[in-house]
Amino acid sequence: MPKKILVVEDEPKLADLLRDYLEQAGYEPHCLGNGLEAVPWVRKQAPDLVLLDLMLPGKDGMEICKEIRSFSAIPILMVTARVEEIDRLLGLELGADDYICKPFSPREVVARVKAVLRRAGKQPSPAGGGLSLDQDRFQATLHGRALDLTAIEFQLLHILAENPGRIFSRSRLMDRIYPDRRVVSDRTIDSHVKKLRRKIASAAPGEEWIHSLYGVGYKLETP
């Protein structure tokens, strides 16, 4: 059964072009031109991926992304001509899975769609010890208690939990979490780890899951 892709784009020619290329790639695309229609459509139709323009009539892409993330972890690929918004698109408050900048080639969009769907389809290995990860929903529980993680925090925990005991350098973690290789500092990873540790401690007081090795990086070990 073909994957269902929702294209939210208010430029009719561009929307038609994307629909044609996605159909040729074997997907089932559906196009909407007004931002107000997007969230109700997602709730009703449950697409496999949303290709979401940033600038839309009715409601902008950022607001739509935040609303979708409040009830679903389906992959969202943001489309923008505003490079300065990229950090926010992939930031903690939004949780978009990837972005693509205008102007772009339709073939590049199809390649990004394939890559995001491929990543979303991978299932994490359980870490054990009461930790459970659901990558489809971006949800993590510890001893049955939800950790309420952001998308970035979930990715970080997922990477560490897939390889318990393995030490990941900050640069390696940055490459995995930010595949677009945009420039982020070591402190960014440290900040994510700090918040992740705080949420783990709230769910399991006295248990230390994430260990730091000074000057090297981080690893996860079951207490």
C-alpha atoms as a PDB file:
ATOM      1  CA  MET A   1       0.000   0.000   0.000  1.00  0.00           C
ATOM      2  CA  PRO A   2       1.544   3.360  -0.990  1.00  0.00           C
ATOM      3  CA  LYS A   3       2.557   5.823   1.697  1.00  0.00           C
ATOM      4  CA  LYS A   4       0.129   8.725   2.055  1.00  0.00           C
ATOM      5  CA  ILE A   5       1.819  12.147   1.820  1.00  0.00           C
ATOM      6  CA  LEU A   6       0.045  15.391   2.679  1.00  0.00           C
ATOM      7  CA  VAL A   7       1.442  18.386   0.746  1.00  0.00           C
ATOM      8  CA  VAL A   8       0.459  21.729   2.304  1.00  0.00           C
ATOM      9  CA  GLU A   9       1.483  24.315  -0.296  1.00  0.00           C
ATOM     10  CA  ASP A  10      -0.401  27.432  -1.423  1.00  0.00           C
ATOM     11  CA  GLU A  11       1.374  27.840  -4.785  1.00  0.00           C
ATOM     12  CA  PRO A  12      -0.812  25.734  -7.142  1.00  0.00           C
ATOM     13  CA  LYS A  13       1.879  25.136  -9.784  1.00  0.00           C
ATOM     14  CA  LEU A  14       4.416  24.016  -7.188  1.00  0.00           C
ATOM     15  CA  ALA A  15       1.854  21.824  -5.430  1.00  0.00           C
ATOM     16  CA  ASP A  16       0.932  20.147  -8.726  1.00  0.00           C
ATOM     17  CA  LEU A  17       4.599  19.612  -9.575  1.00  0.00           C
ATOM     18  CA  LEU A  18       5.300  18.011  -6.188  1.00  0.00           C
ATOM     19  CA  ARG A  19       2.214  15.826  -6.505  1.00  0.00           C
ATOM     20  CA  ASP A  20       3.346  14.576  -9.921  1.00  0.00           C
ATOM     21  CA  TYR A  21       6.855  13.704  -8.693  1.00  0.00           C
ATOM     22  CA  LEU A  22       5.567  12.016  -5.539  1.00  0.00           C
ATOM     23  CA  GLU A  23       3.105   9.941  -7.584  1.00  0.00           C
ATOM     24  CA  GLN A  24       5.918   8.893  -9.928  1.00  0.00           C
ATOM     25  CA  ALA A  25       7.917   7.804  -6.874  1.00  0.00           C
ATOM     26  CA  GLY A  26       5.072   5.522  -5.791  1.00  0.00           C
ATOM     27  CA  TYR A  27       3.486   7.667  -3.081  1.00  0.00           C
ATOM     28  CA  GLU A  28      -0.137   8.757  -2.646  1.00  0.00           C
ATOM     29  CA  PRO A  29       0.003  12.580  -2.382  1.00  0.00           C
ATOM     30  CA  HIS A  30      -2.841  14.862  -1.289  1.00  0.00           C
ATOM     31  CA  CYS A  31      -2.562  18.646  -1.622  1.00  0.00           C
ATOM     32  CA  LEU A  32      -4.024  21.437   0.524  1.00  0.00           C
ATOM     33  CA  GLY A  33      -3.563  25.154  -0.129  1.00  0.00           C
ATOM     34  CA  ASN A  34      -4.807  26.673   3.122  1.00  0.00           C
ATOM     35  CA  GLY A  35      -3.184  26.242   6.509  1.00  0.00           C
ATOM     36  CA  LEU A  36      -6.518  26.067   8.303  1.00  0.00           C
ATOM     37  CA  GLU A  37      -7.319  22.786   6.555  1.00  0.00           C
ATOM     38  CA  ALA A  38      -4.106  20.962   7.509  1.00  0.00           C
ATOM     39  CA  VAL A  39      -4.611  19.859  11.128  1.00  0.00           C
ATOM     40  CA  PRO A  40      -8.212  18.595  10.671  1.00  0.00           C
ATOM     41  CA  TRP A  41      -7.054  16.651   7.586  1.00  0.00           C
ATOM     42  CA  VAL A  42      -4.165  15.073   9.505  1.00  0.00           C
ATOM     43  CA  ARG A  43      -6.455  14.070  12.383  1.00  0.00           C
ATOM     44  CA  LYS A  44      -8.937  12.457  10.020  1.00  0.00           C
ATOM     45  CA  GLN A  45      -6.666  10.885   7.391  1.00  0.00           C
ATOM     46  CA  ALA A  46      -3.482  10.044   9.398  1.00  0.00           C
ATOM     47  CA  PRO A  47      -0.926  10.485   6.590  1.00  0.00           C
ATOM     48  CA  ASP A  48       2.501   8.867   6.728  1.00  0.00           C
ATOM     49  CA  LEU A  49       4.309  12.203   6.231  1.00  0.00           C
ATOM     50  CA  VAL A  50       3.440  15.907   5.986  1.00  0.00           C
ATOM     51  CA  LEU A  51       5.299  18.137   3.520  1.00  0.00           C
ATOM     52  CA  LEU A  52       4.587  21.508   5.086  1.00  0.00           C
ATOM     53  CA  ASP A  53       5.297  24.965   3.686  1.00  0.00           C
ATOM     54  CA  LEU A  54       6.226  27.613   6.236  1.00  0.00           C
ATOM     55  CA  MET A  55       4.322  30.553   4.734  1.00  0.00           C
ATOM     56  CA  LEU A  56       0.641  29.694   4.264  1.00  0.00           C
ATOM     57  CA  PRO A  57      -2.675  31.547   4.227  1.00  0.00           C
ATOM     58  CA  GLY A  58      -4.950  30.981   7.204  1.00  0.00           C
ATOM     59  CA  LYS A  59      -2.332  29.479   9.528  1.00  0.00           C
ATOM     60  CA  ASP A  60       1.446  29.328   9.132  1.00  0.00           C
ATOM     61  CA  GLY A  61       3.526  26.183   9.034  1.00  0.00           C
ATOM     62  CA  MET A  62       5.071  26.650  12.462  1.00  0.00           C
ATOM     63  CA  GLU A  63       1.699  26.768  14.182  1.00  0.00           C
ATOM     64  CA  ILE A  64       0.521  23.755  12.186  1.00  0.00           C
ATOM     65  CA  CYS A  65       3.665  21.819  13.128  1.00  0.00           C
ATOM     66  CA  LYS A  66       3.172  22.576  16.829  1.00  0.00           C
ATOM     67  CA  GLU A  67      -0.471  21.494  16.690  1.00  0.00           C
ATOM     68  CA  ILE A  68       0.350  18.236  14.925  1.00  0.00           C
ATOM     69  CA  ARG A  69       3.106  17.479  17.422  1.00  0.00           C
ATOM     70  CA  SER A  70       0.595  17.858  20.263  1.00  0.00           C
ATOM     71  CA  PHE A  71      -1.165  14.665  19.147  1.00  0.00           C
ATOM     72  CA  SER A  72       1.041  12.874  16.598  1.00  0.00           C
ATOM     73  CA  ALA A  73       4.671  11.966  15.893  1.00  0.00           C
ATOM     74  CA  ILE A  74       4.233  11.516  12.140  1.00  0.00           C
ATOM     75  CA  PRO A  75       7.242  12.812  10.176  1.00  0.00           C
ATOM     76  CA  ILE A  76       7.069  16.472   9.161  1.00  0.00           C
ATOM     77  CA  LEU A  77       9.272  17.877   6.394  1.00  0.00           C
ATOM     78  CA  MET A  78       9.211  21.677   6.487  1.00  0.00           C
ATOM     79  CA  VAL A  79       9.618  23.809   3.356  1.00  0.00           C
ATOM     80  CA  THR A  80      10.962  27.326   3.806  1.00  0.00           C
ATOM     81  CA  ALA A  81      12.518  30.225   1.943  1.00  0.00           C
ATOM     82  CA  ARG A  82      13.544  31.796   5.258  1.00  0.00           C
ATOM     83  CA  VAL A  83      16.928  30.363   6.206  1.00  0.00           C
ATOM     84  CA  GLU A  84      16.940  32.230   9.525  1.00  0.00           C
ATOM     85  CA  GLU A  85      14.008  30.085  10.693  1.00  0.00           C
ATOM     86  CA  ILE A  86      15.794  26.748  10.295  1.00  0.00           C
ATOM     87  CA  ASP A  87      16.899  26.471  13.936  1.00  0.00           C
ATOM     88  CA  ARG A  88      13.319  27.000  15.063  1.00  0.00           C
ATOM     89  CA  LEU A  89      11.955  24.509  12.555  1.00  0.00           C
ATOM     90  CA  LEU A  90      14.122  21.734  13.963  1.00  0.00           C
ATOM     91  CA  GLY A  91      14.164  23.187  17.462  1.00  0.00           C
ATOM     92  CA  LEU A  92      12.891  21.858  20.723  1.00  0.00           C
ATOM     93  CA  GLU A  93       9.588  23.702  20.581  1.00  0.00           C
ATOM     94  CA  LEU A  94       8.557  22.365  17.165  1.00  0.00           C
ATOM     95  CA  GLY A  95      10.174  19.010  16.496  1.00  0.00           C
ATOM     96  CA  ALA A  96      10.126  18.982  12.696  1.00  0.00           C
ATOM     97  CA  ASP A  97      12.022  15.994  11.302  1.00  0.00           C
ATOM     98  CA  ASP A  98      13.789  17.786   8.458  1.00  0.00           C
ATOM     99  CA  TYR A  99      13.586  20.884   6.296  1.00  0.00           C
ATOM    100  CA  ILE A 100      14.245  21.880   2.724  1.00  0.00           C
ATOM    101  CA  CYS A 101      14.927  25.391   1.434  1.00  0.00           C
ATOM    102  CA  LYS A 102      13.359  27.099  -1.576  1.00  0.00           C
ATOM    103  CA  PRO A 103      14.248  27.089  -4.371  1.00  0.00           C
ATOM    104  CA  PHE A 104      14.623  23.327  -4.659  1.00  0.00           C
ATOM    105  CA  SER A 105      14.309  20.608  -7.266  1.00  0.00           C
ATOM    106  CA  PRO A 106      11.318  18.229  -6.980  1.00  0.00           C
ATOM    107  CA  ARG A 107      13.757  15.314  -7.128  1.00  0.00           C
ATOM    108  CA  GLU A 108      15.480  16.632  -4.011  1.00  0.00           C
ATOM    109  CA  VAL A 109      12.133  16.793  -2.219  1.00  0.00           C
ATOM    110  CA  VAL A 110      11.367  13.177  -3.145  1.00  0.00           C
ATOM    111  CA  ALA A 111      14.815  12.128  -1.887  1.00  0.00           C
ATOM    112  CA  ARG A 112      14.230  13.935   1.426  1.00  0.00           C
ATOM    113  CA  VAL A 113      10.796  12.345   1.782  1.00  0.00           C
ATOM    114  CA  LYS A 114      12.310   8.887   1.263  1.00  0.00           C
ATOM    115  CA  ALA A 115      15.069   9.573   3.797  1.00  0.00           C
ATOM    116  CA  VAL A 116      12.691  10.874   6.485  1.00  0.00           C
ATOM    117  CA  LEU A 117      10.303   7.936   6.024  1.00  0.00           C
ATOM    118  CA  ARG A 118      13.230   5.517   6.178  1.00  0.00           C
ATOM    119  CA  ARG A 119      14.436   7.000   9.472  1.00  0.00           C
ATOM    120  CA  ALA A 120      10.920   7.005  10.896  1.00  0.00           C
ATOM    121  CA  GLY A 121      10.489   3.330  10.075  1.00  0.00           C
ATOM    122  CA  LYS A 122      13.475   2.180  12.093  1.00  0.00           C
ATOM    123  CA  GLN A 123      12.635   0.654  15.439  1.00  0.00           C
ATOM    124  CA  PRO A 124      14.912   1.154  18.448  1.00  0.00           C
ATOM    125  CA  SER A 125      16.419  -1.637  20.430  1.00  0.00           C
ATOM    126  CA  PRO A 126      15.112  -1.706  23.991  1.00  0.00           C
ATOM    127  CA  ALA A 127      17.690  -0.733  26.591  1.00  0.00           C
ATOM    128  CA  GLY A 128      16.093  -2.839  29.276  1.00  0.00           C
ATOM    129  CA  GLY A 129      15.999  -2.033  32.948  1.00  0.00           C
ATOM    130  CA  GLY A 130      12.515  -0.547  32.663  1.00  0.00           C
ATOM    131  CA  LEU A 131      13.271   1.823  29.782  1.00  0.00           C
ATOM    132  CA  SER A 132      10.943   1.577  26.789  1.00  0.00           C
ATOM    133  CA  LEU A 133      11.147   3.595  23.550  1.00  0.00           C
ATOM    134  CA  ASP A 134       8.462   3.945  20.886  1.00  0.00           C
ATOM    135  CA  GLN A 135      10.001   5.632  17.848  1.00  0.00           C
ATOM    136  CA  ASP A 136       6.734   5.777  15.901  1.00  0.00           C
ATOM    137  CA  ARG A 137       5.251   8.045  18.573  1.00  0.00           C
ATOM    138  CA  PHE A 138       8.469   9.617  19.881  1.00  0.00           C
ATOM    139  CA  GLN A 139       7.506   8.404  23.349  1.00  0.00           C
ATOM    140  CA  ALA A 140       9.716   7.067  26.120  1.00  0.00           C
ATOM    141  CA  THR A 141       8.719   5.514  29.418  1.00  0.00           C
ATOM    142  CA  LEU A 142      10.810   4.527  32.408  1.00  0.00           C
ATOM    143  CA  HIS A 143       9.301   2.044  34.849  1.00  0.00           C
ATOM    144  CA  GLY A 144       5.953   2.786  33.258  1.00  0.00           C
ATOM    145  CA  ARG A 145       6.234   6.563  33.704  1.00  0.00           C
ATOM    146  CA  ALA A 146       6.245   8.813  30.623  1.00  0.00           C
ATOM    147  CA  LEU A 147       9.391  10.935  30.272  1.00  0.00           C
ATOM    148  CA  ASP A 148       7.705  13.651  28.154  1.00  0.00           C
ATOM    149  CA  LEU A 149      10.736  14.226  25.926  1.00  0.00           C
ATOM    150  CA  THR A 150      11.197  16.689  23.103  1.00  0.00           C
ATOM    151  CA  ALA A 151      12.014  15.272  19.668  1.00  0.00           C
ATOM    152  CA  ILE A 152      15.720  16.077  20.094  1.00  0.00           C
ATOM    153  CA  GLU A 153      15.862  14.539  23.581  1.00  0.00           C
ATOM    154  CA  PHE A 154      14.151  11.402  22.299  1.00  0.00           C
ATOM    155  CA  GLN A 155      16.666  11.070  19.462  1.00  0.00           C
ATOM    156  CA  LEU A 156      19.540  11.483  21.912  1.00  0.00           C
ATOM    157  CA  LEU A 157      18.174   8.846  24.274  1.00  0.00           C
ATOM    158  CA  HIS A 158      17.423   6.534  21.344  1.00  0.00           C
ATOM    159  CA  ILE A 159      21.006   6.740  20.047  1.00  0.00           C
ATOM    160  CA  LEU A 160      22.494   6.000  23.463  1.00  0.00           C
ATOM    161  CA  ALA A 161      19.973   3.233  24.255  1.00  0.00           C
ATOM    162  CA  GLU A 162      20.657   1.422  20.971  1.00  0.00           C
ATOM    163  CA  ASN A 163      24.273   0.978  22.081  1.00  0.00           C
ATOM    164  CA  PRO A 164      24.339   0.612  25.882  1.00  0.00           C
ATOM    165  CA  GLY A 165      27.842   1.015  27.263  1.00  0.00           C
ATOM    166  CA  ARG A 166      29.201   2.563  24.059  1.00  0.00           C
ATOM    167  CA  ILE A 167      30.777   5.984  24.459  1.00  0.00           C
ATOM    168  CA  PHE A 168      29.600   8.638  21.990  1.00  0.00           C
ATOM    169  CA  SER A 169      31.626  11.789  21.514  1.00  0.00           C
ATOM    170  CA  ARG A 170      29.768  15.084  21.366  1.00  0.00           C
ATOM    171  CA  SER A 171      30.681  15.482  17.697  1.00  0.00           C
ATOM    172  CA  ARG A 172      29.317  12.025  16.897  1.00  0.00           C
ATOM    173  CA  LEU A 173      26.063  12.791  18.688  1.00  0.00           C
ATOM    174  CA  MET A 174      25.776  16.090  16.823  1.00  0.00           C
ATOM    175  CA  ASP A 175      26.246  14.304  13.485  1.00  0.00           C
ATOM    176  CA  ARG A 176      23.486  11.837  14.370  1.00  0.00           C
ATOM    177  CA  ILE A 177      21.007  14.354  15.780  1.00  0.00           C
ATOM    178  CA  TYR A 178      21.664  17.081  13.198  1.00  0.00           C
ATOM    179  CA  PRO A 179      22.182  15.208   9.891  1.00  0.00           C
ATOM    180  CA  ASP A 180      22.144  18.490   7.953  1.00  0.00           C
ATOM    181  CA  ARG A 181      25.529  19.200   9.616  1.00  0.00           C
ATOM    182  CA  ARG A 182      24.541  22.710  10.632  1.00  0.00           C
ATOM    183  CA  VAL A 183      26.877  24.304  13.126  1.00  0.00           C
ATOM    184  CA  VAL A 184      26.013  23.660  16.767  1.00  0.00           C
ATOM    185  CA  SER A 185      28.331  23.839  19.752  1.00  0.00           C
ATOM    186  CA  ASP A 186      29.324  21.156  22.249  1.00  0.00           C
ATOM    187  CA  ARG A 187      27.269  23.044  24.798  1.00  0.00           C
ATOM    188  CA  THR A 188      24.142  22.273  22.795  1.00  0.00           C
ATOM    189  CA  ILE A 189      24.606  18.539  23.382  1.00  0.00           C
ATOM    190  CA  ASP A 190      25.486  19.150  27.034  1.00  0.00           C
ATOM    191  CA  SER A 191      22.271  21.134  27.447  1.00  0.00           C
ATOM    192  CA  HIS A 192      20.171  18.347  25.921  1.00  0.00           C
ATOM    193  CA  VAL A 193      21.855  15.766  28.166  1.00  0.00           C
ATOM    194  CA  LYS A 194      21.254  17.900  31.256  1.00  0.00           C
ATOM    195  CA  LYS A 195      17.541  18.188  30.493  1.00  0.00           C
ATOM    196  CA  LEU A 196      17.306  14.492  29.664  1.00  0.00           C
ATOM    197  CA  ARG A 197      18.971  13.538  32.951  1.00  0.00           C
ATOM    198  CA  ARG A 198      16.566  15.794  34.843  1.00  0.00           C
ATOM    199  CA  LYS A 199      13.542  14.068  33.307  1.00  0.00           C
ATOM    200  CA  ILE A 200      14.985  10.602  33.981  1.00  0.00           C
ATOM    201  CA  ALA A 201      15.682  11.572  37.607  1.00  0.00           C
ATOM    202  CA  SER A 202      12.093  12.741  37.978  1.00  0.00           C
ATOM    203  CA  ALA A 203      10.775   9.368  36.771  1.00  0.00           C
ATOM    204  CA  ALA A 204      13.366   7.255  38.604  1.00  0.00           C
ATOM    205  CA  PRO A 205      14.958   9.074  41.573  1.00  0.00           C
ATOM    206  CA  GLY A 206      18.391   7.757  42.474  1.00  0.00           C
ATOM    207  CA  GLU A 207      18.974   5.977  39.155  1.00  0.00           C
ATOM    208  CA  GLU A 208      21.801   7.193  36.923  1.00  0.00           C
ATOM    209  CA  TRP A 209      21.370   6.147  33.298  1.00  0.00           C
ATOM    210  CA  ILE A 210      23.523   8.574  31.340  1.00  0.00           C
ATOM    211  CA  HIS A 211      27.194   8.787  32.310  1.00  0.00           C
ATOM    212  CA  SER A 212      29.669  11.400  31.155  1.00  0.00           C
ATOM    213  CA  LEU A 213      33.368  10.776  30.584  1.00  0.00           C
ATOM    214  CA  TYR A 214      35.271  14.019  30.939  1.00  0.00           C
ATOM    215  CA  GLY A 215      36.700  15.158  27.632  1.00  0.00           C
ATOM    216  CA  VAL A 216      35.319  12.122  25.792  1.00  0.00           C
ATOM    217  CA  GLY A 217      31.518  12.030  25.655  1.00  0.00           C
ATOM    218  CA  TYR A 218      28.465  10.182  26.973  1.00  0.00           C
ATOM    219  CA  LYS A 219      27.204   6.640  27.364  1.00  0.00           C
ATOM    220  CA  LEU A 220      24.077   4.928  28.660  1.00  0.00           C
ATOM    221  CA  GLU A 221      24.189   2.072  31.138  1.00  0.00           C
ATOM    222  CA  THR A 222      21.306   0.311  32.876  1.00  0.00           C
ATOM    223  CA  PRO A 223      21.536   0.960  36.636  1.00  0.00           C
END
